[in-house]
Protein backbone atom coordinates (compact mmCIF):
# COMPACT_ATOMS: atom_id res chain seq x y z
CA MET A 1 2.82 3.81 36.07
CA PHE A 2 5.63 1.98 33.87
CA LYS A 3 7.29 4.40 31.86
CA ASN A 4 8.64 0.38 30.19
CA ALA A 5 8.22 -2.65 29.22
CA ARG A 6 10.69 -5.74 28.85
CA VAL A 7 8.71 -8.56 28.64
CA TYR A 8 9.30 -12.63 29.13
CA ARG A 9 6.83 -15.23 28.28
CA LEU A 10 6.69 -18.00 31.71
CA GLN A 11 7.80 -21.54 30.86
CA VAL A 12 6.11 -22.83 33.99
CA PRO A 13 2.52 -21.27 35.14
CA PHE A 14 3.37 -19.23 38.62
CA GLU A 15 1.58 -20.81 41.24
CA LEU A 16 2.61 -18.60 44.18
CA ASP A 17 0.39 -16.59 46.23
CA GLN A 18 0.87 -13.05 47.38
CA MET A 19 2.33 -14.17 50.90
CA ALA A 20 4.15 -17.30 49.85
CA LEU A 21 5.50 -14.92 47.17
CA HIS A 22 6.32 -12.41 50.01
CA ALA A 23 7.87 -14.95 52.13
CA ARG A 24 10.84 -16.34 49.60
CA LEU A 25 11.67 -12.36 48.80
CA GLN A 26 12.12 -11.75 52.41
CA GLU A 27 14.72 -14.10 52.53
CA ARG A 28 16.66 -11.38 50.15
CA GLY A 29 15.05 -8.41 51.18
CA PHE A 30 17.22 -5.14 50.77
CA ARG A 31 20.04 -4.26 52.83
CA PRO A 32 22.16 -1.39 52.74
CA CYS A 33 25.63 -1.23 52.12
CA GLY A 34 28.54 -2.30 54.65
CA PRO A 35 31.13 0.14 55.11
CA VAL A 36 33.39 -1.75 52.82
CA GLU A 37 30.43 -3.34 50.25
CA THR A 38 30.91 -1.35 46.72
CA ALA A 39 26.86 -2.30 46.39
CA THR A 40 24.06 -4.85 47.39
CA MET A 41 20.80 -5.59 46.08
CA GLY A 42 17.37 -7.06 47.18
CA TRP A 43 13.75 -6.45 47.10
CA THR A 44 12.11 -3.66 48.65
CA ALA A 45 8.47 -2.68 49.24
CA PRO A 46 7.06 -1.96 45.53
CA LEU A 47 4.57 0.39 47.00
CA GLY A 48 6.98 2.79 49.04
CA PRO A 49 8.85 2.83 52.85
CA LYS A 50 5.87 2.70 54.42
CA ALA A 51 4.19 -0.45 52.94
CA GLU A 52 4.88 -3.54 54.79
CA LEU A 53 4.95 -6.47 51.83
CA LEU A 54 7.12 -6.98 49.29
CA VAL A 55 4.98 -8.14 47.08
CA HIS A 56 1.11 -5.85 46.40
CA THR A 57 -1.33 -8.12 44.42
CA VAL A 58 -4.59 -7.20 42.08
CA GLY A 59 -5.95 -10.27 41.04
CA GLN A 60 -3.57 -12.74 39.60
CA VAL A 61 -0.84 -9.71 39.24
CA HIS A 62 1.70 -9.37 41.39
CA LEU A 63 3.98 -6.19 41.68
CA VAL A 64 7.64 -6.36 43.06
CA ALA A 65 10.87 -3.99 43.09
CA MET A 66 14.01 -4.08 43.33
CA ARG A 67 16.30 -2.03 44.78
CA ARG A 68 19.97 -1.48 44.22
CA GLN A 69 22.52 0.87 46.52
CA GLU A 70 25.97 1.47 45.48
CA ARG A 71 28.87 3.66 47.19
CA LEU A 72 30.12 6.53 44.63
CA LEU A 73 33.32 6.48 44.70
CA PRO A 74 34.38 6.83 41.15
CA GLY A 75 38.00 4.78 40.06
CA SER A 76 40.06 7.80 38.99
CA VAL A 77 39.43 9.33 42.51
CA VAL A 78 41.06 5.95 43.78
CA THR A 79 43.96 6.30 40.85
CA GLU A 80 44.47 9.76 42.01
CA ALA A 81 44.93 9.04 45.21
CA VAL A 82 46.72 5.99 44.69
CA ALA A 83 49.50 8.00 42.36
CA ASP A 84 49.61 10.78 45.30
CA ARG A 85 50.52 8.02 48.43
CA VAL A 86 53.46 6.18 45.74
CA ALA A 87 54.63 9.34 45.21
CA GLU A 88 55.24 10.14 49.14
CA ILE A 89 56.73 7.07 49.49
CA GLU A 90 58.97 7.13 46.42
CA GLN A 91 59.80 10.72 47.91
CA ALA A 92 60.81 9.33 51.66
CA GLU A 93 62.35 6.56 51.43
CA MET A 94 64.30 7.03 48.20
CA ARG A 95 62.86 3.94 46.47
CA GLU A 96 60.37 2.78 43.67
CA VAL A 97 57.09 1.10 44.18
CA GLY A 98 56.60 -2.07 42.27
CA ARG A 99 53.17 -3.26 40.82
CA ARG A 100 52.65 -5.72 44.36
CA GLU A 101 53.47 -3.07 46.34
CA ARG A 102 50.60 -0.60 44.18
CA ARG A 103 48.28 -3.41 44.73
CA GLU A 104 48.26 -3.55 48.10
CA LEU A 105 48.29 -0.01 48.52
CA ARG A 106 45.10 0.54 46.18
CA GLU A 107 43.51 -2.21 48.39
CA ASP A 108 44.28 -0.39 51.82
CA LEU A 109 43.03 2.80 50.45
CA LEU A 110 39.51 1.22 49.14
CA ALA A 111 39.16 0.12 52.96
CA GLU A 112 39.60 3.70 53.79
CA MET A 113 37.63 5.25 51.30
CA LEU A 114 34.63 3.31 51.09
CA PRO A 115 33.24 4.24 54.56
CA GLN A 116 33.08 7.65 53.68
CA ALA A 117 31.76 7.67 50.29
CA PHE A 118 28.05 8.94 49.52
CA THR A 119 25.38 6.35 48.47
CA ARG A 120 22.89 6.23 45.90
CA SER A 121 19.83 3.91 45.24
CA ARG A 122 18.22 2.85 42.50
CA VAL A 123 14.48 0.59 42.10
CA VAL A 124 13.23 -1.33 39.24
CA ARG A 125 9.73 -2.92 39.68
CA ALA A 126 8.38 -5.73 37.85
CA TYR A 127 4.72 -7.65 38.00
CA ILE A 128 3.74 -11.25 37.49
CA ASP A 129 0.90 -11.76 35.42
CA ALA A 130 -0.02 -15.53 36.52
CA GLY A 131 -3.15 -15.06 34.78
CA GLU A 132 -2.00 -14.92 31.35
CA GLY A 133 2.23 -16.08 32.12
CA TRP A 134 3.97 -12.94 32.03
CA ALA A 135 6.85 -11.34 33.27
CA VAL A 136 7.09 -7.39 32.56
CA VAL A 137 9.96 -5.16 33.62
CA ASP A 138 9.99 -1.84 33.67
CA ALA A 139 13.50 -0.95 32.64
CA ALA A 140 14.70 0.90 29.69
CA SER A 141 17.82 -1.49 29.73
CA GLU A 142 18.34 -5.19 29.13
CA LYS A 143 20.78 -5.49 31.39
CA ALA A 144 18.44 -4.04 34.31
CA ALA A 145 15.70 -6.05 33.50
CA GLU A 146 17.92 -9.28 33.17
CA GLU A 147 19.51 -8.18 36.73
CA LEU A 148 15.80 -8.55 38.33
CA ILE A 149 15.12 -11.56 36.74
CA ALA A 150 18.05 -13.31 38.12
CA LEU A 151 17.30 -12.20 41.15
CA LEU A 152 14.08 -13.60 41.36
CA ARG A 153 15.59 -16.95 39.88
CA GLU A 154 18.05 -16.57 43.52
CA SER A 155 15.06 -15.83 45.61
CA LEU A 156 12.70 -18.14 44.08
CA GLY A 157 15.24 -21.41 43.31
CA SER A 158 13.58 -21.58 39.94
CA PHE A 159 11.88 -18.70 37.58
CA PRO A 160 12.09 -20.03 34.16
CA VAL A 161 11.17 -17.10 31.50
CA LYS A 162 12.01 -16.66 27.92
CA PRO A 163 12.19 -13.65 26.27
CA LEU A 164 10.15 -12.93 22.84
CA VAL A 165 11.50 -14.62 20.11
CA PRO A 166 9.83 -13.71 16.93
CA GLU A 167 9.86 -15.63 13.69
CA VAL A 168 9.52 -12.66 11.65
CA ALA A 169 11.99 -10.09 11.81
CA PRO A 170 10.50 -6.74 13.80
CA ALA A 171 13.11 -4.53 11.98
CA GLU A 172 11.90 -5.69 8.06
CA ARG A 173 8.48 -5.35 9.57
CA LEU A 174 8.52 -2.09 11.04
CA SER A 175 10.23 -0.68 7.81
CA THR A 176 7.09 -1.42 6.21
CA TRP A 177 4.81 0.04 8.08
CA LEU A 178 7.11 3.34 7.30
CA LEU A 179 7.02 2.52 3.85
CA SER A 180 2.92 2.29 3.29
CA GLY A 181 2.37 4.21 5.70
CA GLN A 182 0.06 0.92 7.20
CA PRO A 183 1.14 -0.36 10.68
CA ALA A 184 -0.92 -3.51 11.72
CA ALA A 185 -3.87 -3.67 12.42
CA GLY A 186 -5.02 -1.91 16.18
CA PHE A 187 -1.91 0.37 15.73
CA ALA A 188 -1.28 4.39 14.59
CA LEU A 189 1.50 5.71 13.41
CA GLU A 190 3.24 8.48 15.95
CA ASP A 191 6.45 11.47 15.34
CA ALA A 192 9.15 8.91 16.25
CA CYS A 193 10.97 6.34 15.22
CA VAL A 194 15.32 5.77 14.78
CA LEU A 195 16.65 4.49 11.37
CA GLN A 196 20.07 2.65 11.18
CA ASP A 197 22.49 1.01 8.82
CA PRO A 198 22.30 -2.53 9.43
CA GLU A 199 25.94 -3.15 8.36
CA ASP A 200 27.12 0.07 10.44
CA SER A 201 25.09 0.90 14.15
CA ARG A 202 27.20 4.23 13.82
CA SER A 203 24.99 5.10 11.07
CA THR A 204 21.74 6.24 13.09
CA VAL A 205 18.81 8.65 12.14
CA ARG A 206 16.94 9.43 14.87
CA CYS A 207 13.06 11.34 14.09
CA ARG A 208 11.32 13.03 16.70
CA GLY A 209 8.29 15.39 16.08
CA GLN A 210 8.26 14.56 12.23
CA ASP A 211 5.90 13.13 10.00
CA LEU A 212 6.80 8.87 9.06
CA SER A 213 5.60 9.73 5.67
CA SER A 214 7.50 12.24 4.88
CA PRO A 215 10.40 12.17 2.02
CA GLU A 216 12.99 12.34 4.09
CA VAL A 217 12.39 8.79 6.28
CA ARG A 218 11.20 7.75 2.99
CA ASN A 219 14.91 8.39 1.31
CA HIS A 220 16.62 6.81 4.37
CA LEU A 221 14.80 3.53 3.95
CA ASP A 222 15.65 3.71 0.02
CA SER A 223 18.48 4.37 1.25
CA GLY A 224 18.94 1.17 3.32
CA LYS A 225 18.31 1.72 6.56
CA ARG A 226 15.99 0.08 8.61
CA ALA A 227 13.21 0.99 11.29
CA VAL A 228 14.87 0.02 15.13
CA SER A 229 12.29 1.66 16.55
CA VAL A 230 8.82 3.27 15.91
CA GLY A 231 6.96 5.38 17.43
CA VAL A 232 2.79 4.33 18.10
CA ASN A 233 -0.52 4.49 19.36
CA TRP A 234 -2.15 1.08 20.56
CA LYS A 235 -6.20 1.71 19.80
CA GLU A 236 -5.66 5.30 20.87
CA ARG A 237 -5.51 4.14 24.35
CA LEU A 238 -1.64 4.03 25.01
CA SER A 239 1.32 6.06 23.23
CA LEU A 240 4.66 3.87 23.17
CA LEU A 241 7.78 3.14 21.13
CA LEU A 242 8.43 -0.22 20.00
CA ASN A 243 11.82 -1.50 19.50
CA GLU A 244 13.13 -4.13 17.53
CA ASP A 245 13.77 -6.09 20.42
CA LEU A 246 10.06 -5.99 21.23
CA SER A 247 10.56 -4.03 24.05
CA LEU A 248 8.41 -1.25 24.92
CA LYS A 249 9.42 2.44 26.10
CA ARG A 250 8.09 5.45 26.56
CA LEU A 251 5.00 4.20 27.83
CA ARG A 252 1.77 7.22 28.50
CA PHE A 253 -2.17 6.31 28.36
CA ALA A 254 -4.06 8.78 27.08
CA ASP A 255 -5.74 11.28 29.18
CA GLU A 256 -9.34 9.08 27.84
CA VAL A 257 -8.06 6.21 29.88
CA THR A 258 -6.25 8.45 32.58
CA ASN A 259 -9.76 9.63 33.69
CA GLU A 260 -11.28 5.63 33.47
CA LEU A 261 -9.39 5.54 36.92
CA ASP A 262 -11.74 7.48 39.14
CA THR A 263 -12.45 5.20 41.71
CA GLY A 264 -14.96 7.90 43.07
CA GLU A 265 -13.35 7.54 46.48
CA ALA A 266 -10.66 10.42 45.73
CA ASP A 267 -8.81 10.04 49.51
CA ASP A 268 -8.64 6.00 48.71
CA GLU A 269 -4.67 5.76 47.34
CA GLY A 270 -5.16 2.29 47.59
CA ALA A 271 -8.06 1.95 45.51
CA ARG A 272 -6.71 4.13 42.72
CA LEU A 273 -3.03 2.13 43.11
CA ASP A 274 -5.25 -1.08 42.37
CA ALA A 275 -7.14 0.62 39.60
CA GLU A 276 -3.54 1.53 38.33
CA LEU A 277 -2.16 -1.67 38.43
CA ALA A 278 -5.60 -3.54 36.48
CA LEU A 279 -5.10 -0.93 34.10
CA LEU A 280 -1.36 -1.62 32.78
CA SER A 281 -1.66 -5.31 33.13
CA LEU A 282 -4.79 -5.91 31.29
CA GLU A 283 -3.63 -3.08 28.35
CA LEU A 284 -0.24 -4.79 28.08
CA ARG A 285 -2.09 -7.82 27.93
CA ALA A 286 -4.11 -6.95 25.08
CA LEU A 287 -1.17 -5.48 23.21
CA LEU A 288 1.18 -8.46 24.09
CA ALA A 289 -0.96 -10.77 22.43
CA ARG A 290 -0.96 -8.65 19.41
CA LEU A 291 2.75 -8.44 18.92
CA CYS A 292 3.21 -11.69 19.40
CA GLU A 293 0.70 -12.49 16.50
CA GLU A 294 2.11 -9.60 14.68
CA PHE A 295 5.48 -10.60 14.79
CA VAL A 296 4.58 -14.54 15.09
CA VAL A 297 6.48 -15.12 18.50
CA SER A 298 6.83 -19.21 19.05
CA GLY A 299 5.66 -19.99 22.73
CA ALA A 300 3.53 -17.62 23.10
CA GLU A 301 0.84 -19.53 23.61
CA PRO A 302 0.04 -18.95 27.66
CA THR A 303 -1.04 -22.83 28.15
CA ALA A 304 2.28 -23.93 26.10
CA ALA A 305 4.41 -24.44 29.94
CA ALA A 306 0.94 -25.25 31.77
CA ASP A 307 0.89 -28.74 29.23
CA ALA A 308 4.50 -29.43 29.64
CA ALA A 309 4.93 -32.96 30.89
CA SER A 310 8.53 -33.25 31.57
CA THR A 311 10.31 -31.48 33.76
CA PRO A 312 11.42 -27.78 31.96
CA ALA A 313 14.39 -26.06 32.56
CA ASP A 314 14.27 -22.31 32.80
CA GLN A 315 16.26 -19.93 30.79
CA GLU A 316 20.03 -20.99 31.40
CA GLY A 317 19.20 -24.03 31.39
CA ARG A 318 18.99 -25.66 34.95
CA ALA A 319 16.04 -28.49 36.01
CA VAL A 320 13.28 -26.51 37.52
CA GLN A 321 13.18 -27.58 41.37
CA ALA A 322 10.66 -26.95 43.88
CA PRO A 323 11.65 -23.45 44.73
CA ALA A 324 13.89 -22.72 48.10
CA SER A 325 15.02 -19.84 49.61
CA ASP A 326 18.18 -18.44 49.46
CA SER A 327 20.09 -15.94 51.42
CA GLY A 328 22.76 -12.82 51.47
CA ALA A 329 22.43 -9.81 48.75
CA PRO A 330 24.56 -10.22 45.33
CA GLN A 331 27.12 -7.34 44.79
CA VAL A 332 26.96 -5.54 41.84
CA ASP A 333 28.22 -2.18 40.21
CA GLU A 334 25.92 -0.67 37.89
CA PRO A 335 23.31 1.89 38.63
CA VAL A 336 19.72 0.85 37.48
CA PRO A 337 16.93 3.83 36.73
CA ALA A 338 16.13 5.41 39.15
CA ALA A 339 12.78 4.83 40.46
CA ASP A 340 11.91 6.30 44.32
CA GLN A 341 8.54 7.19 44.08
CA PRO A 342 5.75 4.34 43.47
CA PRO A 343 5.46 3.14 39.90
CA TRP A 344 1.95 5.27 39.03
CA ARG A 345 4.17 8.61 39.98
């Protein structure tokens, strides 16, 4: 199952079915790096290389996966090769190599070295809950999640979503939970938190395996630090780390919950995967609804986008038009968390 959840609210109803969405994503299917490309990105089958479709659907929940491949060629290696080549020229020709010539040498060396460099792939998965209007990305970093959302926009022509925007300051509310020992209804405190000075992010205390009601934790809060991350348990079913940006990390279902996944068909892997995706999306529906209520998230109502009469705009301010396909893989140069197996492994 997902280990992380970065959550976005759909601003318009999502009406594509599995095959229509697959057709759109196929236009931006993943392709390996070319000989002189540093990286490529595109869609891959979320259930692994043996699956045929780029979308796995259970009910109104569509699971997708973005794959990115990069060539491993550290800048320091290229810099050293350029320095060696410059030294050879200066010694052989008894002249100084200028700045422009150095740039040309670097480009030539990159063209020589890139085809020989190893490649590394990373996969980021997400699901679109068309029934409740959520897009959930299994990414630890905001950058990785935004890259997947951007690729969806490019693939569909438009994908208007917004991150959760709370009216209640999460760090203040989480700190109150710790000071009072009374989290919101449905939650129970666990044994991990991150406390940070709001004026100096370098002043950070990380607690793990510790009683959060201890005097040590209280002393840090009394001295002005605020809780930017707190480990909680949701209805004794789901353990997680709730962060001040309302992202979720370290998602882990209780054993009693995972035991519910027994479909009675031990050899039917497909049935189990469907059950796991259904469980994940249903539990997060309830959890996200509670978080939106607790932190007063604006625009969290699932019908808000559907009732809009005017042409909506996406997160980047573009008018939403009918989805159109796009071709060509964008170039990227940063890795994303590895996930070479289906999301439940």
